[in-house]
């Protein structure tokens, strides 16, 4: 089973337990299927990890690019649906 590191809590977990965020061209979005093309980053399925990742700029560092404001808003909206 492949393992990935959560950008929020920095825990190594099985890939199936994490949510993939993908950067394609200039768009950053949540990849619920885990199969969209593009550069991927992984987070736990908790709002706390997503909040920590966004507040500390870890996603931008992982993608080596700034994340557009509208994309950040989409991620925050997604986080509001998750458990803490």
PDB file of N, CA and C in Angstrom:
ATOM      1  N   UNK A   1       0.852  -1.175   0.000  1.00  0.00           N
ATOM      2  CA  UNK A   1       0.000   0.000   0.000  1.00  0.00           C
ATOM      3  C   UNK A   1       0.898   1.238   0.000  1.00  0.00           C
ATOM      4  N   UNK A   2       0.750   2.108  -0.989  1.00  0.00           N
ATOM      5  CA  UNK A   2       1.560   3.332  -1.026  1.00  0.00           C
ATOM      6  C   UNK A   2       1.226   4.249   0.152  1.00  0.00           C
ATOM      7  N   UNK A   3       2.235   4.964   0.613  1.00  0.00           N
ATOM      8  CA  UNK A   3       2.050   5.894   1.730  1.00  0.00           C
ATOM      9  C   UNK A   3       2.396   7.305   1.274  1.00  0.00           C
ATOM     10  N   UNK A   4       1.718   8.261   1.861  1.00  0.00           N
ATOM     11  CA  UNK A   4       1.945   9.668   1.568  1.00  0.00           C
ATOM     12  C   UNK A   4       1.957  10.442   2.881  1.00  0.00           C
ATOM     13  N   UNK A   5       2.530  11.650   2.859  1.00  0.00           N
ATOM     14  CA  UNK A   5       2.607  12.498   4.047  1.00  0.00           C
ATOM     15  C   UNK A   5       1.552  13.590   3.959  1.00  0.00           C
ATOM     16  N   UNK A   6       0.795  13.758   5.028  1.00  0.00           N
ATOM     17  CA  UNK A   6      -0.210  14.818   5.108  1.00  0.00           C
ATOM     18  C   UNK A   6       0.508  16.162   5.244  1.00  0.00           C
ATOM     19  N   UNK A   7       0.109  17.154   4.449  1.00  0.00           N
ATOM     20  CA  UNK A   7       0.717  18.478   4.528  1.00  0.00           C
ATOM     21  C   UNK A   7       0.289  19.242   5.773  1.00  0.00           C
ATOM     22  N   UNK A   8      -0.760  18.796   6.452  1.00  0.00           N
ATOM     23  CA  UNK A   8      -1.223  19.468   7.661  1.00  0.00           C
ATOM     24  C   UNK A   8      -0.494  18.981   8.904  1.00  0.00           C
ATOM     25  N   UNK A   9      -0.687  17.705   9.233  1.00  0.00           N
ATOM     26  CA  UNK A   9      -0.125  17.156  10.474  1.00  0.00           C
ATOM     27  C   UNK A   9       1.238  16.495  10.278  1.00  0.00           C
ATOM     28  N   UNK A  10       1.656  16.318   9.023  1.00  0.00           N
ATOM     29  CA  UNK A  10       2.943  15.723   8.660  1.00  0.00           C
ATOM     30  C   UNK A  10       3.035  14.237   9.036  1.00  0.00           C
ATOM     31  N   UNK A  11       1.907  13.569   9.226  1.00  0.00           N
ATOM     32  CA  UNK A  11       1.875  12.136   9.512  1.00  0.00           C
ATOM     33  C   UNK A  11       1.924  11.351   8.204  1.00  0.00           C
ATOM     34  N   UNK A  12       2.657  10.255   8.196  1.00  0.00           N
ATOM     35  CA  UNK A  12       2.696   9.366   7.036  1.00  0.00           C
ATOM     36  C   UNK A  12       1.559   8.371   7.201  1.00  0.00           C
ATOM     37  N   UNK A  13       0.701   8.310   6.180  1.00  0.00           N
ATOM     38  CA  UNK A  13      -0.475   7.444   6.230  1.00  0.00           C
ATOM     39  C   UNK A  13      -0.640   6.739   4.882  1.00  0.00           C
ATOM     40  N   UNK A  14      -1.426   5.658   4.871  1.00  0.00           N
ATOM     41  CA  UNK A  14      -1.731   5.025   3.580  1.00  0.00           C
ATOM     42  C   UNK A  14      -2.456   6.017   2.664  1.00  0.00           C
ATOM     43  N   UNK A  15      -2.128   5.981   1.407  1.00  0.00           N
ATOM     44  CA  UNK A  15      -2.677   6.905   0.423  1.00  0.00           C
ATOM     45  C   UNK A  15      -4.207   6.904   0.428  1.00  0.00           C
ATOM     46  N   UNK A  16      -4.824   5.764   0.659  1.00  0.00           N
ATOM     47  CA  UNK A  16      -6.282   5.645   0.642  1.00  0.00           C
ATOM     48  C   UNK A  16      -6.948   6.433   1.774  1.00  0.00           C
ATOM     49  N   UNK A  17      -6.222   6.729   2.840  1.00  0.00           N
ATOM     50  CA  UNK A  17      -6.781   7.465   3.977  1.00  0.00           C
ATOM     51  C   UNK A  17      -6.697   8.982   3.792  1.00  0.00           C
ATOM     52  N   UNK A  18      -6.031   9.431   2.736  1.00  0.00           N
ATOM     53  CA  UNK A  18      -5.800  10.855   2.530  1.00  0.00           C
ATOM     54  C   UNK A  18      -6.603  11.395   1.350  1.00  0.00           C
ATOM     55  N   UNK A  19      -6.782  12.699   1.327  1.00  0.00           N
ATOM     56  CA  UNK A  19      -7.425  13.388   0.220  1.00  0.00           C
ATOM     57  C   UNK A  19      -6.344  14.050  -0.619  1.00  0.00           C
ATOM     58  N   UNK A  20      -6.455  13.904  -1.917  1.00  0.00           N
ATOM     59  CA  UNK A  20      -5.465  14.483  -2.830  1.00  0.00           C
ATOM     60  C   UNK A  20      -5.940  15.847  -3.309  1.00  0.00           C
ATOM     61  N   UNK A  21      -5.026  16.790  -3.300  1.00  0.00           N
ATOM     62  CA  UNK A  21      -5.259  18.102  -3.884  1.00  0.00           C
ATOM     63  C   UNK A  21      -4.325  18.189  -5.076  1.00  0.00           C
ATOM     64  N   UNK A  22      -4.863  18.586  -6.200  1.00  0.00           N
ATOM     65  CA  UNK A  22      -4.091  18.560  -7.434  1.00  0.00           C
ATOM     66  C   UNK A  22      -3.995  19.957  -8.037  1.00  0.00           C
ATOM     67  N   UNK A  23      -2.818  20.240  -8.619  1.00  0.00           N
ATOM     68  CA  UNK A  23      -2.601  21.490  -9.353  1.00  0.00           C
ATOM     69  C   UNK A  23      -2.456  21.127 -10.817  1.00  0.00           C
ATOM     70  N   UNK A  24      -3.386  21.650 -11.617  1.00  0.00           N
ATOM     71  CA  UNK A  24      -3.356  21.445 -13.065  1.00  0.00           C
ATOM     72  C   UNK A  24      -3.335  22.816 -13.704  1.00  0.00           C
ATOM     73  N   UNK A  25      -2.334  23.095 -14.488  1.00  0.00           N
ATOM     74  CA  UNK A  25      -2.152  24.422 -15.096  1.00  0.00           C
ATOM     75  C   UNK A  25      -2.214  25.476 -14.005  1.00  0.00           C
ATOM     76  N   UNK A  26      -3.220  26.332 -14.041  1.00  0.00           N
ATOM     77  CA  UNK A  26      -3.351  27.375 -13.024  1.00  0.00           C
ATOM     78  C   UNK A  26      -4.483  27.093 -12.051  1.00  0.00           C
ATOM     79  N   UNK A  27      -5.004  25.872 -12.017  1.00  0.00           N
ATOM     80  CA  UNK A  27      -6.139  25.522 -11.167  1.00  0.00           C
ATOM     81  C   UNK A  27      -5.709  24.542 -10.086  1.00  0.00           C
ATOM     82  N   UNK A  28      -6.148  24.829  -8.857  1.00  0.00           N
ATOM     83  CA  UNK A  28      -5.923  23.913  -7.735  1.00  0.00           C
ATOM     84  C   UNK A  28      -7.294  23.439  -7.278  1.00  0.00           C
ATOM     85  N   UNK A  29      -7.450  22.114  -7.143  1.00  0.00           N
ATOM     86  CA  UNK A  29      -8.754  21.577  -6.753  1.00  0.00           C
ATOM     87  C   UNK A  29      -8.589  20.274  -5.972  1.00  0.00           C
ATOM     88  N   UNK A  30      -9.653  19.888  -5.287  1.00  0.00           N
ATOM     89  CA  UNK A  30      -9.676  18.622  -4.561  1.00  0.00           C
ATOM     90  C   UNK A  30      -9.930  17.516  -5.574  1.00  0.00           C
ATOM     91  N   UNK A  31      -9.122  16.478  -5.502  1.00  0.00           N
ATOM     92  CA  UNK A  31      -9.237  15.334  -6.407  1.00  0.00           C
ATOM     93  C   UNK A  31      -9.788  14.155  -5.611  1.00  0.00           C
ATOM     94  N   UNK A  32     -11.099  14.007  -5.589  1.00  0.00           N
ATOM     95  CA  UNK A  32     -11.721  12.936  -4.814  1.00  0.00           C
ATOM     96  C   UNK A  32     -11.477  11.562  -5.420  1.00  0.00           C
ATOM     97  N   UNK A  33     -11.183  11.498  -6.716  1.00  0.00           N
ATOM     98  CA  UNK A  33     -10.928  10.210  -7.364  1.00  0.00           C
ATOM     99  C   UNK A  33      -9.479   9.773  -7.192  1.00  0.00           C
ATOM    100  N   UNK A  34      -8.577  10.726  -6.964  1.00  0.00           N
ATOM    101  CA  UNK A  34      -7.166  10.410  -6.822  1.00  0.00           C
ATOM    102  C   UNK A  34      -6.485  10.080  -8.135  1.00  0.00           C
ATOM    103  N   UNK A  35      -7.138  10.390  -9.257  1.00  0.00           N
ATOM    104  CA  UNK A  35      -6.564  10.011 -10.544  1.00  0.00           C
ATOM    105  C   UNK A  35      -6.457  11.161 -11.549  1.00  0.00           C
ATOM    106  N   UNK A  36      -6.763  12.387 -11.142  1.00  0.00           N
ATOM    107  CA  UNK A  36      -6.653  13.511 -12.070  1.00  0.00           C
ATOM    108  C   UNK A  36      -5.183  13.789 -12.365  1.00  0.00           C
ATOM    109  N   UNK A  37      -4.892  14.214 -13.589  1.00  0.00           N
ATOM    110  CA  UNK A  37      -3.498  14.526 -13.918  1.00  0.00           C
ATOM    111  C   UNK A  37      -3.057  15.813 -13.238  1.00  0.00           C
ATOM    112  N   UNK A  38      -1.780  15.913 -12.961  1.00  0.00           N
ATOM    113  CA  UNK A  38      -1.224  17.120 -12.365  1.00  0.00           C
ATOM    114  C   UNK A  38      -0.417  16.810 -11.120  1.00  0.00           C
ATOM    115  N   UNK A  39       0.173  17.845 -10.564  1.00  0.00           N
ATOM    116  CA  UNK A  39       0.981  17.732  -9.350  1.00  0.00           C
ATOM    117  C   UNK A  39       0.054  17.542  -8.160  1.00  0.00           C
ATOM    118  N   UNK A  40       0.292  16.538  -7.341  1.00  0.00           N
ATOM    119  CA  UNK A  40      -0.590  16.237  -6.220  1.00  0.00           C
ATOM    120  C   UNK A  40       0.041  16.499  -4.869  1.00  0.00           C
ATOM    121  N   UNK A  41      -0.803  16.816  -3.909  1.00  0.00           N
ATOM    122  CA  UNK A  41      -0.424  16.950  -2.507  1.00  0.00           C
ATOM    123  C   UNK A  41      -1.523  16.266  -1.702  1.00  0.00           C
ATOM    124  N   UNK A  42      -1.193  15.802  -0.523  1.00  0.00           N
ATOM    125  CA  UNK A  42      -2.137  15.004   0.244  1.00  0.00           C
ATOM    126  C   UNK A  42      -2.383  15.599   1.621  1.00  0.00           C
ATOM    127  N   UNK A  43      -3.647  15.468   2.082  1.00  0.00           N
ATOM    128  CA  UNK A  43      -4.013  15.897   3.430  1.00  0.00           C
ATOM    129  C   UNK A  43      -4.938  14.862   4.046  1.00  0.00           C
ATOM    130  N   UNK A  44      -4.969  14.837   5.377  1.00  0.00           N
ATOM    131  CA  UNK A  44      -5.919  13.985   6.096  1.00  0.00           C
ATOM    132  C   UNK A  44      -7.325  14.489   5.815  1.00  0.00           C
ATOM    133  N   UNK A  45      -8.282  13.648   6.059  1.00  0.00           N
ATOM    134  CA  UNK A  45      -9.676  14.034   5.835  1.00  0.00           C
ATOM    135  C   UNK A  45     -10.220  14.724   7.080  1.00  0.00           C
ATOM    136  N   UNK A  46      -9.550  15.804   7.487  1.00  0.00           N
ATOM    137  CA  UNK A  46      -9.998  16.594   8.632  1.00  0.00           C
ATOM    138  C   UNK A  46      -9.805  18.073   8.340  1.00  0.00           C
ATOM    139  N   UNK A  47     -10.727  18.869   8.834  1.00  0.00           N
ATOM    140  CA  UNK A  47     -10.655  20.317   8.612  1.00  0.00           C
ATOM    141  C   UNK A  47      -9.418  20.898   9.281  1.00  0.00           C
ATOM    142  N   UNK A  48      -9.009  20.353  10.407  1.00  0.00           N
ATOM    143  CA  UNK A  48      -7.843  20.859  11.128  1.00  0.00           C
ATOM    144  C   UNK A  48      -6.576  20.778  10.290  1.00  0.00           C
ATOM    145  N   UNK A  49      -6.385  19.666   9.614  1.00  0.00           N
ATOM    146  CA  UNK A  49      -5.190  19.508   8.768  1.00  0.00           C
ATOM    147  C   UNK A  49      -5.243  20.458   7.582  1.00  0.00           C
ATOM    148  N   UNK A  50      -6.406  20.595   6.970  1.00  0.00           N
ATOM    149  CA  UNK A  50      -6.515  21.501   5.829  1.00  0.00           C
ATOM    150  C   UNK A  50      -6.279  22.941   6.267  1.00  0.00           C
ATOM    151  N   UNK A  51      -6.833  23.337   7.407  1.00  0.00           N
ATOM    152  CA  UNK A  51      -6.624  24.692   7.919  1.00  0.00           C
ATOM    153  C   UNK A  51      -5.146  24.962   8.193  1.00  0.00           C
ATOM    154  N   UNK A  52      -4.476  23.988   8.816  1.00  0.00           N
ATOM    155  CA  UNK A  52      -3.055  24.164   9.128  1.00  0.00           C
ATOM    156  C   UNK A  52      -2.227  24.263   7.849  1.00  0.00           C
ATOM    157  N   UNK A  53      -2.550  23.435   6.874  1.00  0.00           N
ATOM    158  CA  UNK A  53      -1.832  23.462   5.607  1.00  0.00           C
ATOM    159  C   UNK A  53      -1.975  24.823   4.930  1.00  0.00           C
ATOM    160  N   UNK A  54      -3.185  25.370   4.925  1.00  0.00           N
ATOM    161  CA  UNK A  54      -3.420  26.653   4.272  1.00  0.00           C
ATOM    162  C   UNK A  54      -2.826  27.818   5.047  1.00  0.00           C
ATOM    163  N   UNK A  55      -2.953  27.801   6.370  1.00  0.00           N
ATOM    164  CA  UNK A  55      -2.478  28.936   7.164  1.00  0.00           C
ATOM    165  C   UNK A  55      -0.955  29.043   7.172  1.00  0.00           C
ATOM    166  N   UNK A  56      -0.263  27.946   7.015  1.00  0.00           N
ATOM    167  CA  UNK A  56       1.199  27.968   7.036  1.00  0.00           C
ATOM    168  C   UNK A  56       1.814  27.970   5.636  1.00  0.00           C
ATOM    169  N   UNK A  57       0.992  28.050   4.607  1.00  0.00           N
ATOM    170  CA  UNK A  57       1.500  28.137   3.245  1.00  0.00           C
ATOM    171  C   UNK A  57       2.152  26.869   2.729  1.00  0.00           C
ATOM    172  N   UNK A  58       1.840  25.744   3.310  1.00  0.00           N
ATOM    173  CA  UNK A  58       2.475  24.492   2.900  1.00  0.00           C
ATOM    174  C   UNK A  58       2.055  24.047   1.497  1.00  0.00           C
ATOM    175  N   UNK A  59       0.824  24.358   1.120  1.00  0.00           N
ATOM    176  CA  UNK A  59       0.363  23.960  -0.206  1.00  0.00           C
ATOM    177  C   UNK A  59       1.121  24.714  -1.295  1.00  0.00           C
ATOM    178  N   UNK A  60       1.298  26.005  -1.114  1.00  0.00           N
ATOM    179  CA  UNK A  60       2.045  26.807  -2.093  1.00  0.00           C
ATOM    180  C   UNK A  60       3.486  26.319  -2.204  1.00  0.00           C
ATOM    181  N   UNK A  61       4.101  25.967  -1.075  1.00  0.00           N
ATOM    182  CA  UNK A  61       5.468  25.443  -1.106  1.00  0.00           C
ATOM    183  C   UNK A  61       5.522  24.096  -1.825  1.00  0.00           C
ATOM    184  N   UNK A  62       4.541  23.258  -1.577  1.00  0.00           N
ATOM    185  CA  UNK A  62       4.515  21.946  -2.212  1.00  0.00           C
ATOM    186  C   UNK A  62       4.373  22.062  -3.725  1.00  0.00           C
ATOM    187  N   UNK A  63       3.543  22.999  -4.168  1.00  0.00           N
ATOM    188  CA  UNK A  63       3.341  23.197  -5.598  1.00  0.00           C
ATOM    189  C   UNK A  63       4.373  24.136  -6.215  1.00  0.00           C
ATOM    190  N   UNK A  64       5.207  24.746  -5.391  1.00  0.00           N
ATOM    191  CA  UNK A  64       6.220  25.704  -5.845  1.00  0.00           C
ATOM    192  C   UNK A  64       5.589  26.817  -6.676  1.00  0.00           C
ATOM    193  N   UNK A  65       4.391  27.237  -6.239  1.00  0.00           N
ATOM    194  CA  UNK A  65       3.651  28.297  -6.939  1.00  0.00           C
ATOM    195  C   UNK A  65       2.591  28.853  -5.995  1.00  0.00           C
ATOM    196  N   UNK A  66       2.219  30.093  -6.221  1.00  0.00           N
ATOM    197  CA  UNK A  66       1.144  30.690  -5.449  1.00  0.00           C
ATOM    198  C   UNK A  66      -0.182  30.022  -5.824  1.00  0.00           C
ATOM    199  N   UNK A  67      -1.066  29.919  -4.840  1.00  0.00           N
ATOM    200  CA  UNK A  67      -2.391  29.360  -5.071  1.00  0.00           C
ATOM    201  C   UNK A  67      -3.363  30.538  -5.177  1.00  0.00           C
ATOM    202  N   UNK A  68      -4.138  30.570  -6.243  1.00  0.00           N
ATOM    203  CA  UNK A  68      -5.068  31.673  -6.487  1.00  0.00           C
ATOM    204  C   UNK A  68      -6.112  31.769  -5.377  1.00  0.00           C
ATOM    205  N   UNK A  69      -6.559  32.984  -5.124  1.00  0.00           N
ATOM    206  CA  UNK A  69      -7.525  33.245  -4.058  1.00  0.00           C
ATOM    207  C   UNK A  69      -8.807  32.432  -4.242  1.00  0.00           C
ATOM    208  N   UNK A  70      -9.319  32.335  -5.469  1.00  0.00           N
ATOM    209  CA  UNK A  70     -10.553  31.584  -5.699  1.00  0.00           C
ATOM    210  C   UNK A  70     -10.353  30.093  -5.431  1.00  0.00           C
ATOM    211  N   UNK A  71      -9.154  29.586  -5.686  1.00  0.00           N
ATOM    212  CA  UNK A  71      -8.866  28.180  -5.389  1.00  0.00           C
ATOM    213  C   UNK A  71      -8.792  27.952  -3.882  1.00  0.00           C
ATOM    214  N   UNK A  72      -8.205  28.899  -3.164  1.00  0.00           N
ATOM    215  CA  UNK A  72      -8.167  28.809  -1.699  1.00  0.00           C
ATOM    216  C   UNK A  72      -9.574  28.827  -1.129  1.00  0.00           C
ATOM    217  N   UNK A  73     -10.435  29.650  -1.690  1.00  0.00           N
ATOM    218  CA  UNK A  73     -11.822  29.713  -1.225  1.00  0.00           C
ATOM    219  C   UNK A  73     -12.533  28.378  -1.431  1.00  0.00           C
ATOM    220  N   UNK A  74     -12.259  27.710  -2.564  1.00  0.00           N
ATOM    221  CA  UNK A  74     -12.844  26.387  -2.816  1.00  0.00           C
ATOM    222  C   UNK A  74     -12.362  25.380  -1.781  1.00  0.00           C
ATOM    223  N   UNK A  75     -11.074  25.443  -1.418  1.00  0.00           N
ATOM    224  CA  UNK A  75     -10.534  24.517  -0.424  1.00  0.00           C
ATOM    225  C   UNK A  75     -11.132  24.783   0.951  1.00  0.00           C
ATOM    226  N   UNK A  76     -11.325  26.049   1.296  1.00  0.00           N
ATOM    227  CA  UNK A  76     -11.949  26.388   2.585  1.00  0.00           C
ATOM    228  C   UNK A  76     -13.385  25.882   2.611  1.00  0.00           C
ATOM    229  N   UNK A  77     -14.093  26.017   1.514  1.00  0.00           N
ATOM    230  CA  UNK A  77     -15.472  25.518   1.419  1.00  0.00           C
ATOM    231  C   UNK A  77     -15.482  24.001   1.601  1.00  0.00           C
ATOM    232  N   UNK A  78     -14.534  23.310   0.992  1.00  0.00           N
ATOM    233  CA  UNK A  78     -14.410  21.867   1.161  1.00  0.00           C
ATOM    234  C   UNK A  78     -14.136  21.518   2.618  1.00  0.00           C
ATOM    235  N   UNK A  79     -13.273  22.288   3.272  1.00  0.00           N
ATOM    236  CA  UNK A  79     -12.919  22.022   4.675  1.00  0.00           C
ATOM    237  C   UNK A  79     -14.109  22.187   5.593  1.00  0.00           C
ATOM    238  N   UNK A  80     -15.023  23.083   5.241  1.00  0.00           N
ATOM    239  CA  UNK A  80     -16.193  23.291   6.096  1.00  0.00           C
ATOM    240  C   UNK A  80     -17.086  22.064   6.144  1.00  0.00           C
ATOM    241  N   UNK A  81     -16.947  21.171   5.164  1.00  0.00           N
ATOM    242  CA  UNK A  81     -17.744  19.936   5.130  1.00  0.00           C
ATOM    243  C   UNK A  81     -17.072  18.794   5.900  1.00  0.00           C
ATOM    244  N   UNK A  82     -15.818  18.993   6.313  1.00  0.00           N
ATOM    245  CA  UNK A  82     -15.070  17.941   6.992  1.00  0.00           C
ATOM    246  C   UNK A  82     -15.214  18.044   8.508  1.00  0.00           C
ATOM    247  N   UNK A  83     -14.893  16.947   9.173  1.00  0.00           N
ATOM    248  CA  UNK A  83     -14.863  16.934  10.635  1.00  0.00           C
ATOM    249  C   UNK A  83     -13.558  17.533  11.122  1.00  0.00           C
ATOM    250  N   UNK A  84     -13.531  18.037  12.346  1.00  0.00           N
ATOM    251  CA  UNK A  84     -12.280  18.505  12.937  1.00  0.00           C
ATOM    252  C   UNK A  84     -11.617  17.347  13.538  1.00  0.00           C
TER     253      UNK A  84
END
